[in-house]
Amino acid sequence: MEGVFLMNEDIKKASAEELVNEYQKHFDKNMAFRLLKKLRKKTRDKHIIVSKSTEAIVSSLGTLLSALDNPNLPTKYKALIIGAIGYVILPIDLIPDIIPGVGYADDVASVAGVVMVVAVYSNFSMDALDAEIDAEG
């Protein structure tokens, strides 16, 4: 019985790895980071409600992207990150993103747990992102 359990776990692991590998073939982290930077640049000097809402989503996505780039990140966490990023970028949400101030609230809430789990694998810094944006002019 123990051998069957181990085999099932191996199958689940292989399937998760296959799904992550397939996703990563179609994922351009450089493009994702550029979009993240663009969102930050456009919103950081807006009204505090808008700037703080988008800062939270930028920080969350930055943490997820950074962790996804870490070779020590376990496959199961890669799958969680992919799901969280998918939710944020999909246009269908519980609260539409176009509503100022609260539009990103459900996005932040949906990724908060994943961010907490994978933050140890991330080296994302909002200060570093802002410095990079400022250097570009």
Protein backbone atom coordinates (compact mmCIF):
# COMPACT_ATOMS: atom_id res chain seq x y z
CA MET A 1 0.00 0.00 0.00
CA GLU A 2 2.84 2.39 0.81
CA GLY A 3 4.31 1.86 -2.67
CA VAL A 4 1.01 2.85 -4.27
CA PHE A 5 0.87 6.04 -2.22
CA LEU A 6 4.41 7.00 -3.23
CA MET A 7 3.66 6.28 -6.87
CA ASN A 8 0.55 8.50 -6.75
CA GLU A 9 2.60 11.30 -5.19
CA ASP A 10 5.22 10.89 -7.95
CA ILE A 11 2.47 11.13 -10.58
CA LYS A 12 1.06 14.29 -8.96
CA LYS A 13 4.54 15.81 -8.80
CA ALA A 14 5.27 14.96 -12.44
CA SER A 15 1.92 16.41 -13.50
CA ALA A 16 2.49 19.63 -11.58
CA GLU A 17 5.98 19.95 -13.02
CA GLU A 18 4.65 19.35 -16.54
CA LEU A 19 1.94 21.99 -16.07
CA VAL A 20 4.41 24.53 -14.70
CA ASN A 21 6.88 23.83 -17.51
CA GLU A 22 4.14 24.19 -20.13
CA TYR A 23 2.99 27.49 -18.61
CA GLN A 24 6.50 28.87 -18.40
CA LYS A 25 6.97 28.26 -22.13
CA HIS A 26 4.28 30.89 -22.75
CA PHE A 27 5.16 33.27 -19.92
CA ASP A 28 7.44 36.22 -20.58
CA LYS A 29 8.64 37.41 -17.18
CA ASN A 30 10.41 40.39 -18.77
CA MET A 31 7.14 41.56 -20.28
CA ALA A 32 5.36 40.97 -16.97
CA PHE A 33 7.98 43.02 -15.14
CA ARG A 34 7.73 45.83 -17.71
CA LEU A 35 3.96 45.93 -17.22
CA LEU A 36 4.45 45.95 -13.47
CA LYS A 37 6.85 48.89 -13.76
CA LYS A 38 4.46 50.72 -16.06
CA LEU A 39 1.59 50.29 -13.58
CA ARG A 40 3.77 51.56 -10.74
CA LYS A 41 5.04 54.54 -12.72
CA LYS A 42 1.54 55.59 -13.81
CA THR A 43 -0.05 55.30 -10.38
CA ARG A 44 2.50 56.07 -7.66
CA ASP A 45 1.84 59.84 -7.81
CA LYS A 46 -1.95 59.59 -8.07
CA HIS A 47 -4.45 60.14 -5.27
CA ILE A 48 -3.53 58.11 -2.18
CA ILE A 49 -6.46 55.72 -2.65
CA VAL A 50 -5.28 54.82 -6.14
CA SER A 51 -1.56 54.85 -5.36
CA LYS A 52 -1.82 52.67 -2.25
CA SER A 53 -4.17 50.19 -3.95
CA THR A 54 -1.89 49.75 -6.91
CA GLU A 55 1.20 49.73 -4.68
CA ALA A 56 -0.22 46.70 -2.91
CA ILE A 57 -0.84 44.85 -6.18
CA VAL A 58 2.57 45.86 -7.60
CA SER A 59 4.28 44.68 -4.43
CA SER A 60 2.37 41.40 -4.49
CA LEU A 61 3.04 40.74 -8.17
CA GLY A 62 6.67 41.79 -7.83
CA THR A 63 7.10 39.32 -4.98
CA LEU A 64 5.44 36.56 -7.00
CA LEU A 65 7.52 37.25 -10.12
CA SER A 66 10.72 37.40 -8.12
CA ALA A 67 9.94 34.15 -6.31
CA LEU A 68 9.01 32.47 -9.60
CA ASP A 69 12.49 33.31 -10.84
CA ASN A 70 14.14 31.59 -7.85
CA PRO A 71 15.49 28.13 -8.80
CA ASN A 72 14.95 26.91 -5.22
CA LEU A 73 11.19 27.51 -5.37
CA PRO A 74 9.32 24.18 -5.07
CA THR A 75 7.09 23.21 -7.99
CA LYS A 76 3.93 23.29 -5.87
CA TYR A 77 4.61 26.95 -5.06
CA LYS A 78 5.25 27.71 -8.74
CA ALA A 79 1.78 26.34 -9.48
CA LEU A 80 0.28 28.56 -6.75
CA ILE A 81 2.06 31.61 -8.16
CA ILE A 82 0.86 30.87 -11.67
CA GLY A 83 -2.71 30.63 -10.42
CA ALA A 84 -2.42 33.86 -8.44
CA ILE A 85 -0.93 35.77 -11.38
CA GLY A 86 -3.65 34.37 -13.62
CA TYR A 87 -6.34 35.70 -11.30
CA VAL A 88 -4.80 39.16 -11.20
CA ILE A 89 -4.45 39.49 -14.97
CA LEU A 90 -7.80 37.98 -15.91
CA PRO A 91 -10.37 40.68 -16.69
CA ILE A 92 -13.16 38.85 -14.83
CA ASP A 93 -12.96 39.57 -11.09
CA LEU A 94 -15.23 39.70 -8.09
CA ILE A 95 -14.69 43.47 -8.12
CA PRO A 96 -13.85 45.02 -11.53
CA ASP A 97 -10.36 46.55 -11.61
CA ILE A 98 -11.67 49.74 -13.22
CA ILE A 99 -13.37 50.82 -9.99
CA PRO A 100 -10.90 53.29 -8.43
CA GLY A 101 -9.52 52.36 -5.05
CA VAL A 102 -11.37 49.10 -4.57
CA GLY A 103 -10.95 47.48 -7.97
CA TYR A 104 -7.70 45.80 -7.03
CA ALA A 105 -8.81 44.87 -3.50
CA ASP A 106 -9.98 41.38 -4.47
CA ASP A 107 -6.80 40.84 -6.48
CA VAL A 108 -4.63 41.72 -3.49
CA ALA A 109 -6.74 39.57 -1.19
CA SER A 110 -6.55 36.60 -3.56
CA VAL A 111 -2.76 36.68 -3.78
CA ALA A 112 -2.02 37.64 -0.16
CA GLY A 113 -1.81 34.06 1.07
CA VAL A 114 0.40 32.98 -1.81
CA VAL A 115 2.67 35.99 -1.27
CA MET A 116 3.05 35.10 2.41
CA VAL A 117 4.06 31.54 1.52
CA VAL A 118 6.56 32.40 -1.22
CA ALA A 119 7.98 35.69 0.12
CA VAL A 120 11.02 33.85 1.52
CA TYR A 121 11.94 32.95 -2.08
CA SER A 122 11.66 36.56 -3.30
CA ASN A 123 14.09 39.46 -3.36
CA PHE A 124 11.59 42.05 -4.66
CA SER A 125 11.89 45.58 -3.30
CA MET A 126 9.49 48.44 -4.00
CA ASP A 127 12.30 50.90 -3.26
CA ALA A 128 14.51 49.23 -5.88
CA LEU A 129 11.63 49.31 -8.39
CA ASP A 130 11.05 53.02 -7.74
CA ALA A 131 14.78 53.71 -8.09
CA GLU A 132 14.82 51.88 -11.42
CA ILE A 133 11.80 53.88 -12.62
CA ASP A 134 13.43 57.15 -11.50
CA ALA A 135 16.69 56.27 -13.27
CA GLU A 136 14.82 55.72 -16.53
CA GLY A 137 13.27 59.16 -16.24
